[in-house]
Protein backbone atom coordinates (compact mmCIF):
# COMPACT_ATOMS: atom_id res chain seq x y z
CA MET A 1 0.00 0.00 0.00
CA MET A 2 2.92 2.36 0.64
CA THR A 3 3.95 2.05 -2.99
CA TRP A 4 0.47 3.05 -4.10
CA ALA A 5 0.41 5.91 -1.59
CA LEU A 6 3.64 7.35 -3.00
CA PHE A 7 2.50 6.73 -6.58
CA THR A 8 -0.85 8.43 -5.96
CA SER A 9 0.88 11.39 -4.31
CA PHE A 10 3.23 11.70 -7.28
CA MET A 11 0.33 11.61 -9.74
CA GLY A 12 -1.53 14.18 -7.65
CA PHE A 13 1.51 16.44 -7.75
CA LEU A 14 1.66 16.11 -11.54
CA MET A 15 -1.97 17.21 -11.70
CA VAL A 16 -1.23 20.24 -9.51
CA LEU A 17 1.86 21.04 -11.59
CA THR A 18 -0.15 20.84 -14.80
CA ALA A 19 -2.88 23.06 -13.36
CA GLY A 20 -0.23 25.49 -12.13
CA LEU A 21 1.27 25.78 -15.60
CA VAL A 22 -2.08 26.04 -17.39
CA PHE A 23 -3.46 28.70 -15.03
CA LYS A 24 -0.15 30.49 -14.49
CA ASP A 25 -1.34 33.74 -16.07
CA PHE A 26 -4.45 33.77 -13.89
CA VAL A 27 -2.43 33.29 -10.67
CA ILE A 28 0.19 35.84 -11.68
CA GLY A 29 -2.55 38.32 -12.52
CA ARG A 30 -3.87 38.10 -8.96
CA TYR A 31 -0.50 38.85 -7.33
CA ILE A 32 1.57 40.89 -9.79
CA ARG A 33 0.49 44.23 -8.31
CA THR A 34 0.64 43.51 -4.57
CA SER A 35 3.28 40.72 -4.42
CA PRO A 36 5.53 40.76 -7.50
CA GLU A 37 8.09 38.42 -5.92
CA ILE A 38 5.59 35.55 -6.20
CA VAL A 39 5.64 36.07 -9.96
CA THR A 40 9.44 35.98 -10.04
CA TYR A 41 9.70 32.73 -8.06
CA TYR A 42 6.47 31.10 -9.19
CA TYR A 43 8.07 27.91 -10.53
CA TRP A 44 10.03 27.34 -7.32
CA LEU A 45 6.80 26.79 -5.41
CA PHE A 46 6.47 23.38 -7.06
CA PRO A 47 9.64 21.63 -5.77
CA PHE A 48 8.82 22.95 -2.29
CA GLY A 49 5.28 21.57 -2.53
CA PHE A 50 6.46 18.25 -3.92
CA GLY A 51 8.96 17.81 -1.08
CA LEU A 52 6.29 18.61 1.51
CA THR A 53 3.91 16.10 -0.10
CA ILE A 54 6.40 13.22 -0.18
CA TYR A 55 7.63 13.92 3.34
CA SER A 56 4.07 14.01 4.71
CA VAL A 57 3.32 10.58 3.20
CA LEU A 58 6.54 9.06 4.56
CA GLU A 59 5.94 10.72 7.93
CA ALA A 60 2.47 9.17 8.24
CA PHE A 61 3.96 5.76 7.39
CA ALA A 62 6.72 6.22 9.98
CA TRP A 63 4.11 7.08 12.61
CA GLN A 64 2.60 3.62 12.15
CA LEU A 65 6.07 2.19 12.80
CA ARG A 66 6.19 4.31 15.99
CA LYS A 67 9.13 6.34 14.71
CA THR A 68 7.61 9.58 15.96
CA VAL A 69 10.83 10.85 17.54
CA LEU A 70 12.63 10.62 14.20
CA THR A 71 9.88 12.31 12.18
CA ASN A 72 9.46 15.10 14.71
CA PHE A 73 13.23 15.66 14.74
CA LEU A 74 13.31 15.92 10.96
CA ARG A 75 10.37 18.32 10.63
CA GLU A 76 10.66 20.37 13.80
CA ILE A 77 14.45 20.54 14.25
CA LEU A 78 16.36 19.57 11.11
CA PHE A 79 14.07 21.50 8.75
CA ARG A 80 14.43 24.62 10.89
CA LEU A 81 18.18 24.00 11.17
CA PHE A 82 18.48 23.91 7.37
CA THR A 83 16.52 27.17 7.16
CA THR A 84 18.67 28.80 9.85
CA ILE A 85 21.84 27.73 8.03
CA LEU A 86 20.57 29.27 4.80
CA ILE A 87 19.77 32.53 6.61
CA ALA A 88 23.18 32.55 8.33
CA PHE A 89 24.94 31.88 5.02
CA SER A 90 23.00 34.78 3.48
CA PHE A 91 24.14 37.18 6.21
CA ALA A 92 27.71 35.88 5.89
CA GLY A 93 27.72 36.41 2.12
CA ILE A 94 28.22 32.72 1.33
CA ILE A 95 24.81 32.76 -0.33
CA SER A 96 25.32 35.81 -2.49
CA SER A 97 21.75 36.72 -3.40
CA PHE A 98 18.13 36.42 -2.35
CA ASP A 99 17.50 34.65 -5.64
CA LEU A 100 19.88 31.82 -4.68
CA PHE A 101 18.40 31.67 -1.16
CA ILE A 102 14.88 31.05 -2.51
CA LYS A 103 16.09 28.36 -4.91
CA LEU A 104 17.94 26.49 -2.15
CA TYR A 105 15.04 26.91 0.28
CA ALA A 106 12.71 25.30 -2.26
CA PHE A 107 14.53 21.98 -1.73
CA THR A 108 14.50 21.89 2.09
CA TYR A 109 11.51 19.54 2.39
CA LEU A 110 12.90 17.32 -0.37
CA SER A 111 16.09 17.05 1.69
CA ILE A 112 14.40 15.78 4.84
CA ALA A 113 12.13 13.53 2.75
CA ALA A 114 15.25 11.98 1.20
CA ILE A 115 16.74 11.43 4.67
CA LEU A 116 13.57 9.72 5.93
CA MET A 117 13.29 7.59 2.80
CA THR A 118 16.93 6.53 3.14
CA TYR A 119 16.35 5.51 6.75
CA LEU A 120 13.27 3.45 5.87
CA VAL A 121 15.06 1.71 3.00
CA VAL A 122 18.28 1.00 4.94
CA THR A 123 16.37 -0.39 7.94
CA LYS A 124 14.17 -2.42 5.56
CA ARG A 125 10.99 -0.88 6.97
CA ILE A 126 9.64 0.01 3.54
CA HIS A 127 9.13 -2.29 0.56
CA PHE A 128 7.99 -1.37 -2.92
CA SER A 129 5.47 -3.53 -4.75
CA PHE A 130 2.48 -2.79 -6.97
CA SER A 131 0.82 -6.10 -6.14
CA ILE A 132 -2.43 -5.79 -4.18
CA SER A 133 -3.21 -8.17 -1.32
CA ARG A 134 -6.46 -10.11 -0.98
CA VAL A 135 -7.34 -8.15 2.14
CA THR A 136 -7.00 -4.88 0.23
CA ILE A 137 -9.16 -6.21 -2.61
CA LYS A 138 -11.80 -7.43 -0.17
CA PHE A 139 -12.07 -4.12 1.68
CA ARG A 140 -11.22 -1.83 -1.23
CA LYS A 141 -14.49 0.12 -1.06
CA LYS A 142 -14.18 0.80 2.66
CA ILE A 143 -10.50 1.69 2.24
CA ALA A 144 -11.31 4.07 -0.62
CA THR A 145 -14.04 5.74 1.42
CA LEU A 146 -11.78 6.16 4.45
CA VAL A 147 -8.88 7.47 2.38
CA GLY A 148 -11.18 9.87 0.54
CA PHE A 149 -12.55 11.36 3.75
CA ILE A 150 -9.10 11.62 5.38
CA TRP A 151 -7.55 13.14 2.26
CA GLY A 152 -10.42 15.57 1.89
CA GLY A 153 -10.24 16.54 5.56
CA GLY A 154 -6.48 17.07 5.33
CA LEU A 155 -6.86 19.17 2.19
CA ILE A 156 -9.52 21.33 3.80
CA PHE A 157 -7.46 21.85 6.96
CA ASN A 158 -4.31 22.74 4.97
CA ILE A 159 -6.20 25.25 2.83
CA SER A 160 -7.58 26.93 5.94
CA ASN A 161 -4.05 27.08 7.40
CA VAL A 162 -2.39 28.84 4.43
CA PHE A 163 -5.27 30.97 3.20
CA ASP A 164 -4.50 33.82 5.60
CA THR A 165 -1.05 34.51 4.14
CA LEU A 166 -2.37 34.30 0.58
CA VAL A 167 -5.12 36.80 1.38
CA ILE A 168 -2.65 39.27 2.91
CA ALA A 169 -0.36 39.03 -0.12
CA HIS A 170 -3.29 39.50 -2.50
CA VAL A 171 -5.49 42.07 -0.75
CA MET A 172 -3.10 44.49 0.95
CA PRO A 173 -0.88 47.01 -0.87
CA ASN A 174 2.76 45.91 -0.64
CA GLY A 175 1.33 42.54 0.32
CA LEU A 176 4.56 40.59 0.78
CA ALA A 177 5.88 43.14 3.29
CA PHE A 178 2.77 42.68 5.44
CA ALA A 179 2.93 38.93 4.82
CA ALA A 180 6.47 39.01 6.26
CA VAL A 181 5.15 40.67 9.44
CA TYR A 182 2.37 38.11 9.68
CA THR A 183 4.74 35.22 8.99
CA LEU A 184 7.09 36.41 11.74
CA ALA A 185 4.20 36.25 14.21
CA GLN A 186 3.24 32.82 12.85
CA ASN A 187 6.76 31.46 13.17
CA ILE A 188 7.16 32.74 16.72
CA ALA A 189 3.74 31.33 17.63
CA SER A 190 4.80 27.97 16.20
CA LEU A 191 7.06 27.63 19.26
CA ILE A 192 3.87 27.26 21.28
CA GLN A 193 2.98 24.24 19.12
CA ALA A 194 6.30 22.48 19.77
CA PRO A 195 4.86 19.47 21.65
CA GLN A 196 1.70 19.12 19.55
CA ARG A 197 3.02 17.02 16.67
CA GLY A 198 4.76 14.67 19.10
CA VAL A 199 1.62 14.28 21.19
CA ILE A 200 -0.50 13.66 18.08
CA SER A 201 1.84 11.09 16.55
CA ALA A 202 2.30 9.30 19.88
CA SER A 203 -1.43 9.15 20.60
CA ILE A 204 -2.73 7.62 17.37
CA ALA A 205 -1.65 4.01 17.97
CA PRO A 206 -2.85 3.86 21.63
CA LEU A 207 -6.14 5.50 20.69
CA SER A 208 -6.71 3.06 17.83
CA LYS A 209 -6.09 0.11 20.14
CA ALA A 210 -8.27 1.61 22.89
CA TRP A 211 -11.19 1.99 20.47
CA LYS A 212 -10.65 -1.57 19.28
CA ASP A 213 -10.69 -2.83 22.89
CA LYS A 214 -13.54 -0.47 23.83
CA ASP A 215 -11.31 0.88 26.61
CA PHE A 216 -13.10 4.19 27.12
CA ASP A 217 -11.31 4.93 30.39
CA LYS A 218 -7.97 4.87 28.57
CA ILE A 219 -9.29 7.20 25.88
CA LYS A 220 -10.50 9.62 28.56
CA ARG A 221 -7.07 9.51 30.26
CA ILE A 222 -5.31 10.28 26.98
CA TYR A 223 -7.80 13.07 26.27
CA HIS A 224 -7.29 14.73 29.65
CA SER A 225 -3.53 14.17 29.75
CA SER A 226 -3.01 15.63 26.28
CA SER A 227 -5.12 18.64 27.23
CA ILE A 228 -3.50 19.63 30.53
CA ASN A 229 0.09 18.88 29.47
CA GLN A 230 -0.21 20.85 26.25
CA LEU A 231 -2.05 23.68 28.02
CA ILE A 232 0.73 23.99 30.62
CA PHE A 233 3.36 24.23 27.90
CA ALA A 234 1.34 26.51 25.61
CA THR A 235 0.41 28.96 28.38
CA GLY A 236 3.97 29.14 29.65
CA MET A 237 5.52 29.58 26.21
CA PHE A 238 2.95 32.22 25.21
CA VAL A 239 3.57 34.36 28.29
CA LEU A 240 7.35 33.91 28.00
CA ILE A 241 7.31 35.17 24.40
CA TRP A 242 4.83 37.97 25.14
CA ILE A 243 6.84 39.52 27.99
CA ASN A 244 9.99 39.53 25.81
CA PHE A 245 8.51 40.40 22.41
CA THR A 246 9.14 44.15 22.26
CA ASP A 247 12.49 43.85 24.03
CA GLY A 248 13.56 41.17 21.55
CA ILE A 249 12.74 43.34 18.50
CA PHE A 250 14.93 46.20 19.78
CA THR A 251 17.68 44.08 21.33
CA PHE A 252 18.30 42.03 18.19
CA GLY A 253 18.19 45.06 15.91
CA MET A 254 15.12 44.10 13.91
CA LYS A 255 13.16 46.65 11.89
CA LYS A 256 10.60 48.65 13.87
CA GLU A 257 7.92 47.52 11.41
CA TYR A 258 8.10 44.09 13.02
CA LEU A 259 6.60 45.56 16.20
CA ASP A 260 3.28 45.25 14.36
CA ALA A 261 3.73 41.49 14.63
CA LYS A 262 3.13 41.65 18.39
CA ASN A 263 -0.62 42.19 18.12
CA VAL A 264 -0.80 39.53 15.40
CA PHE A 265 1.07 37.14 17.70
CA LEU A 266 -1.43 37.88 20.50
CA PHE A 267 -4.35 36.41 18.56
CA ILE A 268 -2.39 33.59 16.93
CA GLY A 269 -0.94 32.69 20.31
CA LEU A 270 -4.37 32.62 21.96
CA MET A 271 -5.56 30.42 19.11
CA ARG A 272 -2.69 27.99 19.73
CA ILE A 273 -3.39 27.89 23.47
CA MET A 274 -7.03 27.09 22.78
CA ASP A 275 -6.15 24.45 20.18
CA LEU A 276 -3.58 22.67 22.35
CA GLY A 277 -5.70 23.05 25.47
CA THR A 278 -8.57 21.09 23.91
CA GLY A 279 -6.31 18.05 23.59
CA VAL A 280 -6.28 15.37 20.90
CA ASN A 281 -9.99 15.62 20.11
CA SER A 282 -9.28 15.35 16.38
CA GLN A 283 -7.33 12.11 16.82
CA ILE A 284 -9.98 10.64 19.14
CA ILE A 285 -12.68 11.26 16.55
CA GLY A 286 -10.46 10.24 13.64
CA THR A 287 -9.62 6.83 15.13
CA SER A 288 -13.22 6.09 16.12
CA THR A 289 -16.09 4.76 14.02
CA GLN A 290 -17.29 8.37 13.76
CA TRP A 291 -14.30 9.43 11.65
CA ARG A 292 -16.58 10.99 9.01
CA PHE A 293 -17.48 13.68 11.54
CA GLU A 294 -13.89 14.94 11.36
CA PHE A 295 -14.36 15.66 7.67
CA PHE A 296 -17.63 17.51 8.21
CA THR A 297 -16.15 19.72 10.94
CA GLY A 298 -13.30 20.47 8.56
CA MET A 299 -15.87 21.70 6.04
CA ILE A 300 -17.30 24.01 8.70
CA LEU A 301 -13.80 25.30 9.48
CA LEU A 302 -13.16 26.06 5.81
CA ALA A 303 -16.56 27.72 5.40
CA LEU A 304 -15.74 30.01 8.32
CA THR A 305 -12.08 30.65 7.51
CA LEU A 306 -12.31 31.77 3.88
CA PRO A 307 -14.86 34.61 4.17
CA LEU A 308 -13.69 35.74 7.61
CA ASN A 309 -10.07 35.99 6.45
CA TYR A 310 -10.96 37.97 3.37
CA PHE A 311 -13.35 40.48 4.92
CA LEU A 312 -11.37 41.04 8.14
CA THR A 313 -8.16 41.53 6.15
CA LYS A 314 -9.92 44.11 4.00
CA SER A 315 -11.33 45.94 7.02
CA MET A 316 -8.63 45.49 9.69
CA GLY A 317 -5.39 44.91 7.81
CA VAL A 318 -2.69 42.45 8.84
CA ILE A 319 -4.32 41.67 12.20
CA GLY A 320 -7.56 40.59 10.51
CA PRO A 321 -6.54 37.03 9.56
CA ALA A 322 -5.26 36.36 13.09
CA ILE A 323 -8.61 37.37 14.58
CA SER A 324 -10.58 35.42 11.98
CA ASN A 325 -8.52 32.27 12.57
CA LEU A 326 -9.05 32.56 16.33
CA ILE A 327 -12.82 32.82 15.80
CA ALA A 328 -12.98 29.99 13.25
CA LEU A 329 -10.77 27.56 15.18
CA SER A 330 -12.62 28.30 18.43
CA ILE A 331 -15.94 27.34 16.82
CA TYR A 332 -14.28 24.31 15.18
CA ASN A 333 -12.94 23.02 18.50
CA ALA A 334 -16.17 23.85 20.33
CA ILE A 335 -18.09 21.64 17.90
CA ARG A 336 -15.70 18.72 18.39
CA TYR A 337 -15.68 19.23 22.17
CA THR A 338 -19.49 19.16 22.24
CA PHE A 339 -19.62 16.10 20.00
CA LEU A 340 -17.32 14.05 22.25
CA LEU A 341 -19.15 15.24 25.36
CA LYS A 342 -22.62 14.34 24.03
CA LYS A 343 -21.65 11.16 22.17
CA TYR A 344 -19.18 9.56 24.59
CA ASN A 345 -19.42 11.67 27.76
CA MET A 346 -15.77 12.71 27.34
CA GLN A 347 -14.31 16.13 28.09
CA PRO A 348 -10.71 17.06 28.92
CA PHE A 349 -11.10 19.86 31.47
CA ASN A 350 -11.06 20.01 35.27
CA SER A 351 -10.08 22.48 37.97
CA LYS A 352 -6.39 22.18 36.98
CA THR A 353 -7.25 23.72 33.61
CA LEU A 354 -8.44 26.94 35.26
CA LEU A 355 -5.51 26.91 37.70
CA THR A 356 -3.04 26.71 34.81
CA ILE A 357 -4.51 29.81 33.16
CA ILE A 358 -4.63 31.73 36.47
CA LEU A 359 -1.01 30.77 37.20
CA GLY A 360 0.10 32.05 33.80
CA LEU A 361 -1.71 35.37 34.31
CA MET A 362 -0.30 35.87 37.82
CA VAL A 363 3.29 35.16 36.81
CA TYR A 364 2.88 37.45 33.80
CA ALA A 365 1.67 40.25 36.08
CA VAL A 366 4.73 39.89 38.32
CA CYS A 367 7.24 39.87 35.45
CA HIS A 368 5.53 42.72 33.61
CA TYR A 369 5.41 44.89 36.74
CA LEU A 370 9.12 44.36 37.48
CA PHE A 371 10.60 44.53 33.98
CA HIS A 372 8.17 46.22 31.55
CA ASP A 373 10.46 49.24 31.01
CA LYS A 374 13.76 47.32 30.79
CA ILE A 375 15.51 46.77 27.44
CA GLY A 376 18.57 44.64 26.66
CA PHE A 377 19.78 41.06 26.38
CA GLY A 378 20.58 40.82 30.08
CA TRP A 379 17.04 41.87 30.98
CA ILE A 380 15.63 39.25 28.60
CA VAL A 381 17.64 36.57 30.41
CA LEU A 382 16.64 37.86 33.87
CA ARG A 383 12.98 38.29 32.94
CA SER A 384 12.83 34.82 31.38
CA SER A 385 14.64 33.19 34.30
CA LEU A 386 12.26 34.68 36.86
CA PHE A 387 9.25 33.66 34.79
CA ALA A 388 10.54 30.09 34.38
CA ALA A 389 11.25 29.77 38.10
CA LEU A 390 7.85 31.10 39.17
CA TYR A 391 5.83 29.29 36.52
CA LEU A 392 7.53 25.90 36.80
CA GLY A 393 7.51 26.20 40.58
CA GLY A 394 3.78 26.89 40.48
CA VAL A 395 3.14 23.92 38.18
CA LEU A 396 4.96 21.60 40.59
CA LEU A 397 3.46 23.12 43.74
CA LEU A 398 -0.10 22.94 42.40
CA LYS A 399 0.49 19.48 40.90
CA LEU A 400 -1.16 20.57 37.68
CA SER A 401 -0.08 17.51 35.72
CA PRO A 402 0.08 13.91 36.98
CA ASP A 403 2.82 13.20 34.42
CA ILE A 404 5.43 15.69 35.63
CA ASN A 405 6.40 14.21 39.01
CA PRO A 406 7.08 10.67 37.63
CA VAL A 407 9.33 12.22 34.97
CA LEU A 408 11.22 14.22 37.60
CA LYS A 409 11.67 11.11 39.75
CA THR A 410 13.07 9.24 36.78
CA LEU A 411 15.50 12.07 36.02
CA ARG A 412 16.62 12.24 39.66
CA SER A 413 17.25 8.50 39.74
CA LYS A 414 19.63 8.85 36.80
CA LEU A 415 21.66 11.67 38.33
CA PRO A 416 25.10 10.75 39.76
CA PHE A 417 24.20 12.65 42.92
CA LYS A 418 20.97 12.74 44.94
């Protein structure tokens, strides 16, 4: 089946490539005035998209092999490391032009896809064959239906995720400049999401088995654990970034225009806190017999995202898409939360949820009061250190997560001193 998955992805890419070439003039016509750089580097979008497609297929396969640490390392660390190296080489003059930077960046996902493919081949975890098993033939209709819904849901979710940047580049004058401000806020906010992909990939196999065994207590434990642990991290990371945002712009010599990214980050960050705080509701629904519901909620998300992004960008500028995404994703998660509560009597929240939010607000108030008028690298370190001490101390003192103390005990047992 993996052979067919890769083959289908390749054929799908060829269809997108063909459509991109046929409708090139139409696409260019939409962006030539507000974002002329897209016209210049139009063809380089395709190798980037192809690399992302192949890596995503291989990543999903590796998840089933429980190689989540490897896939998360490649996407979350190595990909960003490649990007950082390209940026550093540009500043150092090794990469002599922006033109060369874009062309090299277009192959970053292909690079990590090649690394993952090499690992799977060398370890003999992947085999290529176009023969179809009897089991596949027997259940082909059900498989096709499942794949169609999952693919459609993924497509819808991805469109809703990238539409905001496209709207900014198209609607606003000097669109790419504003898109750069928005992307900065997005990239910083992505730090809040750091544990999410790992939690998602690690939860799928246990959830699938729990549904198979009808172990609803285990599903509830995973639901609650994913919610509180991600909420603790997301709240802490959001406040840590927020209290240092303005200081960081000035301290690291960034353009003053990037200060506009702070308000954008506020709404994107709140959206991430809400999304992580609601736990793995998507994976719980997706691994259940009600997996079609995931597709239908995705349709609702898309129906909300597209018009909200467009009209709020037109009326509010660069902050509009951030607000619209917060609204759309809040409704999206509220629907899934309600569905799991009504259908299976599952919900991830308890008193520790509220305590986590209160703790974050209190520690923010202390750090803001003491350091709000201080600028410089030393103040960033001091402000961050105080926040980390107070916040982590509060998490331990209040016993917000049942998973933290066992981890600490394990770490202590491995130390050479007690």
